[in-house]
Amino acid sequence: MSERGEKKGAYPSPILPRRPGMPEERRWPSPTPLPSVPTEDVDRVLKQILDRLDAIEKRLGNIEKLLMKP
């Protein structure tokens, strides 16, 4: 092997310096804060979601029963 080839394998490649940070204009915008909602409204919405999920679960149960029939 040539002297040049031996030197390439003998030394690890130099570590490149890290890229400088992105300028402020290119960063992601800060997240928009959530609007303040009264807890009663949040509770009501969560209750509606749970009711809908229960209804979906019942329908899926009925579909499963129909598919299991011979």
PDB file of N, CA and C in Angstrom:
ATOM      1  N   MET A   1       0.835  -1.180   0.000  1.00  0.00           N
ATOM      2  CA  MET A   1       0.000   0.000   0.000  1.00  0.00           C
ATOM      3  C   MET A   1       0.876   1.238   0.000  1.00  0.00           C
ATOM      4  N   SER A   2       0.362   2.286  -0.521  1.00  0.00           N
ATOM      5  CA  SER A   2       1.150   3.512  -0.565  1.00  0.00           C
ATOM      6  C   SER A   2       1.140   4.196   0.793  1.00  0.00           C
ATOM      7  N   GLU A   3       2.058   5.087   0.968  1.00  0.00           N
ATOM      8  CA  GLU A   3       2.161   5.832   2.221  1.00  0.00           C
ATOM      9  C   GLU A   3       0.895   6.650   2.475  1.00  0.00           C
ATOM     10  N   ARG A   4       0.333   7.185   1.402  1.00  0.00           N
ATOM     11  CA  ARG A   4      -0.864   8.017   1.524  1.00  0.00           C
ATOM     12  C   ARG A   4      -2.051   7.183   2.036  1.00  0.00           C
ATOM     13  N   GLY A   5      -2.214   5.983   1.512  1.00  0.00           N
ATOM     14  CA  GLY A   5      -3.314   5.119   1.936  1.00  0.00           C
ATOM     15  C   GLY A   5      -3.189   4.711   3.386  1.00  0.00           C
ATOM     16  N   GLU A   6      -1.954   4.467   3.842  1.00  0.00           N
ATOM     17  CA  GLU A   6      -1.750   4.090   5.233  1.00  0.00           C
ATOM     18  C   GLU A   6      -2.114   5.243   6.165  1.00  0.00           C
ATOM     19  N   LYS A   7      -1.816   6.455   5.765  1.00  0.00           N
ATOM     20  CA  LYS A   7      -2.121   7.602   6.617  1.00  0.00           C
ATOM     21  C   LYS A   7      -3.627   7.806   6.735  1.00  0.00           C
ATOM     22  N   LYS A   8      -4.356   7.554   5.632  1.00  0.00           N
ATOM     23  CA  LYS A   8      -5.811   7.732   5.693  1.00  0.00           C
ATOM     24  C   LYS A   8      -6.433   6.801   6.726  1.00  0.00           C
ATOM     25  N   GLY A   9      -5.971   5.572   6.764  1.00  0.00           N
ATOM     26  CA  GLY A   9      -6.546   4.612   7.689  1.00  0.00           C
ATOM     27  C   GLY A   9      -6.040   4.789   9.106  1.00  0.00           C
ATOM     28  N   ALA A  10      -4.924   5.416   9.274  1.00  0.00           N
ATOM     29  CA  ALA A  10      -4.314   5.528  10.588  1.00  0.00           C
ATOM     30  C   ALA A  10      -4.946   6.625  11.440  1.00  0.00           C
ATOM     31  N   TYR A  11      -5.455   7.665  10.814  1.00  0.00           N
ATOM     32  CA  TYR A  11      -5.997   8.795  11.572  1.00  0.00           C
ATOM     33  C   TYR A  11      -7.497   8.934  11.321  1.00  0.00           C
ATOM     34  N   PRO A  12      -8.260   9.184  12.363  1.00  0.00           N
ATOM     35  CA  PRO A  12      -9.697   9.391  12.137  1.00  0.00           C
ATOM     36  C   PRO A  12      -9.928  10.712  11.412  1.00  0.00           C
ATOM     37  N   SER A  13     -11.065  10.802  10.758  1.00  0.00           N
ATOM     38  CA  SER A  13     -11.373  12.038  10.040  1.00  0.00           C
ATOM     39  C   SER A  13     -11.555  13.175  11.042  1.00  0.00           C
ATOM     40  N   PRO A  14     -11.176  14.381  10.680  1.00  0.00           N
ATOM     41  CA  PRO A  14     -11.311  15.502  11.619  1.00  0.00           C
ATOM     42  C   PRO A  14     -12.775  15.810  11.886  1.00  0.00           C
ATOM     43  N   ILE A  15     -13.061  16.244  13.082  1.00  0.00           N
ATOM     44  CA  ILE A  15     -14.427  16.588  13.462  1.00  0.00           C
ATOM     45  C   ILE A  15     -14.717  17.993  12.947  1.00  0.00           C
ATOM     46  N   LEU A  16     -15.795  18.100  12.190  1.00  0.00           N
ATOM     47  CA  LEU A  16     -16.165  19.391  11.634  1.00  0.00           C
ATOM     48  C   LEU A  16     -16.836  20.244  12.710  1.00  0.00           C
ATOM     49  N   PRO A  17     -16.644  21.544  12.681  1.00  0.00           N
ATOM     50  CA  PRO A  17     -17.308  22.396  13.669  1.00  0.00           C
ATOM     51  C   PRO A  17     -18.818  22.368  13.462  1.00  0.00           C
ATOM     52  N   ARG A  18     -19.565  22.563  14.523  1.00  0.00           N
ATOM     53  CA  ARG A  18     -21.027  22.548  14.443  1.00  0.00           C
ATOM     54  C   ARG A  18     -21.521  23.756  13.670  1.00  0.00           C
ATOM     55  N   ARG A  19     -22.610  23.549  13.009  1.00  0.00           N
ATOM     56  CA  ARG A  19     -23.232  24.623  12.249  1.00  0.00           C
ATOM     57  C   ARG A  19     -23.791  25.672  13.202  1.00  0.00           C
ATOM     58  N   PRO A  20     -23.594  26.934  12.932  1.00  0.00           N
ATOM     59  CA  PRO A  20     -24.163  27.933  13.834  1.00  0.00           C
ATOM     60  C   PRO A  20     -25.685  27.857  13.830  1.00  0.00           C
ATOM     61  N   GLY A  21     -26.284  28.303  14.911  1.00  0.00           N
ATOM     62  CA  GLY A  21     -27.736  28.239  15.041  1.00  0.00           C
ATOM     63  C   GLY A  21     -28.459  29.016  13.958  1.00  0.00           C
ATOM     64  N   MET A  22     -29.710  28.659  13.760  1.00  0.00           N
ATOM     65  CA  MET A  22     -30.493  29.324  12.733  1.00  0.00           C
ATOM     66  C   MET A  22     -30.845  30.734  13.189  1.00  0.00           C
ATOM     67  N   PRO A  23     -30.959  31.659  12.256  1.00  0.00           N
ATOM     68  CA  PRO A  23     -31.368  33.011  12.653  1.00  0.00           C
ATOM     69  C   PRO A  23     -32.796  33.006  13.181  1.00  0.00           C
ATOM     70  N   GLU A  24     -33.127  33.984  13.966  1.00  0.00           N
ATOM     71  CA  GLU A  24     -34.441  34.052  14.617  1.00  0.00           C
ATOM     72  C   GLU A  24     -35.596  33.985  13.620  1.00  0.00           C
ATOM     73  N   GLU A  25     -35.425  34.554  12.422  1.00  0.00           N
ATOM     74  CA  GLU A  25     -36.533  34.594  11.461  1.00  0.00           C
ATOM     75  C   GLU A  25     -36.915  33.200  10.975  1.00  0.00           C
ATOM     76  N   ARG A  26     -35.968  32.262  10.988  1.00  0.00           N
ATOM     77  CA  ARG A  26     -36.215  30.942  10.427  1.00  0.00           C
ATOM     78  C   ARG A  26     -36.727  29.947  11.455  1.00  0.00           C
ATOM     79  N   ARG A  27     -36.766  30.306  12.711  1.00  0.00           N
ATOM     80  CA  ARG A  27     -37.259  29.376  13.732  1.00  0.00           C
ATOM     81  C   ARG A  27     -38.775  29.271  13.675  1.00  0.00           C
ATOM     82  N   TRP A  28     -39.295  28.197  14.277  1.00  0.00           N
ATOM     83  CA  TRP A  28     -40.744  28.025  14.328  1.00  0.00           C
ATOM     84  C   TRP A  28     -41.355  29.142  15.162  1.00  0.00           C
ATOM     85  N   PRO A  29     -42.536  29.601  14.775  1.00  0.00           N
ATOM     86  CA  PRO A  29     -43.190  30.626  15.591  1.00  0.00           C
ATOM     87  C   PRO A  29     -43.625  30.024  16.923  1.00  0.00           C
ATOM     88  N   SER A  30     -43.739  30.858  17.919  1.00  0.00           N
ATOM     89  CA  SER A  30     -44.164  30.351  19.219  1.00  0.00           C
ATOM     90  C   SER A  30     -45.617  29.905  19.130  1.00  0.00           C
ATOM     91  N   PRO A  31     -46.014  28.879  19.884  1.00  0.00           N
ATOM     92  CA  PRO A  31     -47.389  28.389  19.802  1.00  0.00           C
ATOM     93  C   PRO A  31     -48.379  29.436  20.306  1.00  0.00           C
ATOM     94  N   THR A  32     -49.551  29.407  19.706  1.00  0.00           N
ATOM     95  CA  THR A  32     -50.601  30.329  20.108  1.00  0.00           C
ATOM     96  C   THR A  32     -51.203  29.824  21.414  1.00  0.00           C
ATOM     97  N   PRO A  33     -51.349  30.677  22.411  1.00  0.00           N
ATOM     98  CA  PRO A  33     -51.930  30.210  23.672  1.00  0.00           C
ATOM     99  C   PRO A  33     -53.395  29.826  23.479  1.00  0.00           C
ATOM    100  N   LEU A  34     -53.814  28.836  24.237  1.00  0.00           N
ATOM    101  CA  LEU A  34     -55.204  28.397  24.166  1.00  0.00           C
ATOM    102  C   LEU A  34     -56.111  29.468  24.765  1.00  0.00           C
ATOM    103  N   PRO A  35     -57.302  29.619  24.199  1.00  0.00           N
ATOM    104  CA  PRO A  35     -58.214  30.604  24.777  1.00  0.00           C
ATOM    105  C   PRO A  35     -58.677  30.136  26.152  1.00  0.00           C
ATOM    106  N   SER A  36     -58.939  31.077  27.019  1.00  0.00           N
ATOM    107  CA  SER A  36     -59.412  30.692  28.355  1.00  0.00           C
ATOM    108  C   SER A  36     -60.878  30.293  28.248  1.00  0.00           C
ATOM    109  N   VAL A  37     -61.168  29.074  28.685  1.00  0.00           N
ATOM    110  CA  VAL A  37     -62.514  28.515  28.605  1.00  0.00           C
ATOM    111  C   VAL A  37     -62.942  28.177  30.028  1.00  0.00           C
ATOM    112  N   PRO A  38     -64.149  28.541  30.388  1.00  0.00           N
ATOM    113  CA  PRO A  38     -64.627  28.182  31.732  1.00  0.00           C
ATOM    114  C   PRO A  38     -64.630  26.667  31.928  1.00  0.00           C
ATOM    115  N   THR A  39     -64.345  26.225  33.139  1.00  0.00           N
ATOM    116  CA  THR A  39     -64.274  24.786  33.409  1.00  0.00           C
ATOM    117  C   THR A  39     -65.616  24.103  33.183  1.00  0.00           C
ATOM    118  N   GLU A  40     -66.710  24.813  33.345  1.00  0.00           N
ATOM    119  CA  GLU A  40     -68.028  24.196  33.095  1.00  0.00           C
ATOM    120  C   GLU A  40     -68.139  23.775  31.633  1.00  0.00           C
ATOM    121  N   ASP A  41     -67.640  24.633  30.731  1.00  0.00           N
ATOM    122  CA  ASP A  41     -67.691  24.304  29.310  1.00  0.00           C
ATOM    123  C   ASP A  41     -66.796  23.111  28.993  1.00  0.00           C
ATOM    124  N   VAL A  42     -65.635  23.073  29.601  1.00  0.00           N
ATOM    125  CA  VAL A  42     -64.715  21.953  29.370  1.00  0.00           C
ATOM    126  C   VAL A  42     -65.356  20.661  29.870  1.00  0.00           C
ATOM    127  N   ASP A  43     -65.943  20.699  31.039  1.00  0.00           N
ATOM    128  CA  ASP A  43     -66.600  19.510  31.585  1.00  0.00           C
ATOM    129  C   ASP A  43     -67.740  19.053  30.670  1.00  0.00           C
ATOM    130  N   ARG A  44     -68.505  20.020  30.149  1.00  0.00           N
ATOM    131  CA  ARG A  44     -69.630  19.685  29.278  1.00  0.00           C
ATOM    132  C   ARG A  44     -69.128  19.038  27.986  1.00  0.00           C
ATOM    133  N   VAL A  45     -68.077  19.593  27.409  1.00  0.00           N
ATOM    134  CA  VAL A  45     -67.536  19.047  26.164  1.00  0.00           C
ATOM    135  C   VAL A  45     -66.977  17.647  26.398  1.00  0.00           C
ATOM    136  N   LEU A  46     -66.251  17.452  27.494  1.00  0.00           N
ATOM    137  CA  LEU A  46     -65.711  16.120  27.795  1.00  0.00           C
ATOM    138  C   LEU A  46     -66.840  15.109  27.996  1.00  0.00           C
ATOM    139  N   LYS A  47     -67.904  15.518  28.627  1.00  0.00           N
ATOM    140  CA  LYS A  47     -69.064  14.629  28.832  1.00  0.00           C
ATOM    141  C   LYS A  47     -69.664  14.243  27.481  1.00  0.00           C
ATOM    142  N   GLN A  48     -69.793  15.216  26.566  1.00  0.00           N
ATOM    143  CA  GLN A  48     -70.320  14.913  25.231  1.00  0.00           C
ATOM    144  C   GLN A  48     -69.412  13.929  24.497  1.00  0.00           C
ATOM    145  N   ILE A  49     -68.131  14.115  24.606  1.00  0.00           N
ATOM    146  CA  ILE A  49     -67.185  13.209  23.943  1.00  0.00           C
ATOM    147  C   ILE A  49     -67.330  11.799  24.494  1.00  0.00           C
ATOM    148  N   LEU A  50     -67.403  11.683  25.822  1.00  0.00           N
ATOM    149  CA  LEU A  50     -67.565  10.358  26.422  1.00  0.00           C
ATOM    150  C   LEU A  50     -68.871   9.705  25.996  1.00  0.00           C
ATOM    151  N   ASP A  51     -69.955  10.480  25.925  1.00  0.00           N
ATOM    152  CA  ASP A  51     -71.241   9.932  25.483  1.00  0.00           C
ATOM    153  C   ASP A  51     -71.154   9.426  24.047  1.00  0.00           C
ATOM    154  N   ARG A  52     -70.497  10.188  23.187  1.00  0.00           N
ATOM    155  CA  ARG A  52     -70.354   9.759  21.796  1.00  0.00           C
ATOM    156  C   ARG A  52     -69.508   8.504  21.693  1.00  0.00           C
ATOM    157  N   LEU A  53     -68.439   8.434  22.477  1.00  0.00           N
ATOM    158  CA  LEU A  53     -67.599   7.238  22.462  1.00  0.00           C
ATOM    159  C   LEU A  53     -68.367   6.015  22.948  1.00  0.00           C
ATOM    160  N   ASP A  54     -69.209   6.192  23.958  1.00  0.00           N
ATOM    161  CA  ASP A  54     -70.033   5.075  24.440  1.00  0.00           C
ATOM    162  C   ASP A  54     -70.990   4.601  23.354  1.00  0.00           C
ATOM    163  N   ALA A  55     -71.601   5.540  22.634  1.00  0.00           N
ATOM    164  CA  ALA A  55     -72.516   5.167  21.556  1.00  0.00           C
ATOM    165  C   ALA A  55     -71.766   4.418  20.458  1.00  0.00           C
ATOM    166  N   ILE A  56     -70.584   4.870  20.108  1.00  0.00           N
ATOM    167  CA  ILE A  56     -69.783   4.183  19.086  1.00  0.00           C
ATOM    168  C   ILE A  56     -69.431   2.779  19.545  1.00  0.00           C
ATOM    169  N   GLU A  57     -69.062   2.654  20.819  1.00  0.00           N
ATOM    170  CA  GLU A  57     -68.710   1.340  21.350  1.00  0.00           C
ATOM    171  C   GLU A  57     -69.896   0.382  21.275  1.00  0.00           C
ATOM    172  N   LYS A  58     -71.100   0.871  21.567  1.00  0.00           N
ATOM    173  CA  LYS A  58     -72.298   0.030  21.491  1.00  0.00           C
ATOM    174  C   LYS A  58     -72.563  -0.407  20.054  1.00  0.00           C
ATOM    175  N   ARG A  59     -72.408   0.527  19.100  1.00  0.00           N
ATOM    176  CA  ARG A  59     -72.619   0.171  17.700  1.00  0.00           C
ATOM    177  C   ARG A  59     -71.596  -0.859  17.234  1.00  0.00           C
ATOM    178  N   LEU A  60     -70.351  -0.695  17.653  1.00  0.00           N
ATOM    179  CA  LEU A  60     -69.328  -1.676  17.275  1.00  0.00           C
ATOM    180  C   LEU A  60     -69.629  -3.040  17.887  1.00  0.00           C
ATOM    181  N   GLY A  61     -70.153  -3.045  19.102  1.00  0.00           N
ATOM    182  CA  GLY A  61     -70.544  -4.306  19.729  1.00  0.00           C
ATOM    183  C   GLY A  61     -71.645  -4.997  18.939  1.00  0.00           C
ATOM    184  N   ASN A  62     -72.627  -4.200  18.460  1.00  0.00           N
ATOM    185  CA  ASN A  62     -73.708  -4.779  17.650  1.00  0.00           C
ATOM    186  C   ASN A  62     -73.174  -5.326  16.333  1.00  0.00           C
ATOM    187  N   ILE A  63     -72.276  -4.613  15.714  1.00  0.00           N
ATOM    188  CA  ILE A  63     -71.679  -5.082  14.453  1.00  0.00           C
ATOM    189  C   ILE A  63     -70.912  -6.374  14.688  1.00  0.00           C
ATOM    190  N   GLU A  64     -70.179  -6.423  15.795  1.00  0.00           N
ATOM    191  CA  GLU A  64     -69.419  -7.633  16.112  1.00  0.00           C
ATOM    192  C   GLU A  64     -70.352  -8.823  16.295  1.00  0.00           C
ATOM    193  N   LYS A  65     -71.478  -8.624  16.973  1.00  0.00           N
ATOM    194  CA  LYS A  65     -72.445  -9.714  17.176  1.00  0.00           C
ATOM    195  C   LYS A  65     -73.009 -10.193  15.842  1.00  0.00           C
ATOM    196  N   LEU A  66     -73.307  -9.230  14.936  1.00  0.00           N
ATOM    197  CA  LEU A  66     -73.846  -9.615  13.635  1.00  0.00           C
ATOM    198  C   LEU A  66     -72.825 -10.415  12.831  1.00  0.00           C
ATOM    199  N   LEU A  67     -71.572 -10.055  12.908  1.00  0.00           N
ATOM    200  CA  LEU A  67     -70.548 -10.745  12.156  1.00  0.00           C
ATOM    201  C   LEU A  67     -70.250 -12.137  12.740  1.00  0.00           C
ATOM    202  N   MET A  68     -70.470 -12.314  14.025  1.00  0.00           N
ATOM    203  CA  MET A  68     -70.199 -13.607  14.664  1.00  0.00           C
ATOM    204  C   MET A  68     -71.296 -14.616  14.413  1.00  0.00           C
ATOM    205  N   LYS A  69     -72.481 -14.181  13.991  1.00  0.00           N
ATOM    206  CA  LYS A  69     -73.586 -15.110  13.714  1.00  0.00           C
ATOM    207  C   LYS A  69     -73.233 -15.959  12.504  1.00  0.00           C
ATOM    208  N   PRO A  70     -73.553 -17.286  12.595  1.00  0.00           N
ATOM    209  CA  PRO A  70     -73.261 -18.168  11.445  1.00  0.00           C
ATOM    210  C   PRO A  70     -74.205 -17.965  10.288  1.00  0.00           C
TER     211      PRO A  70
END
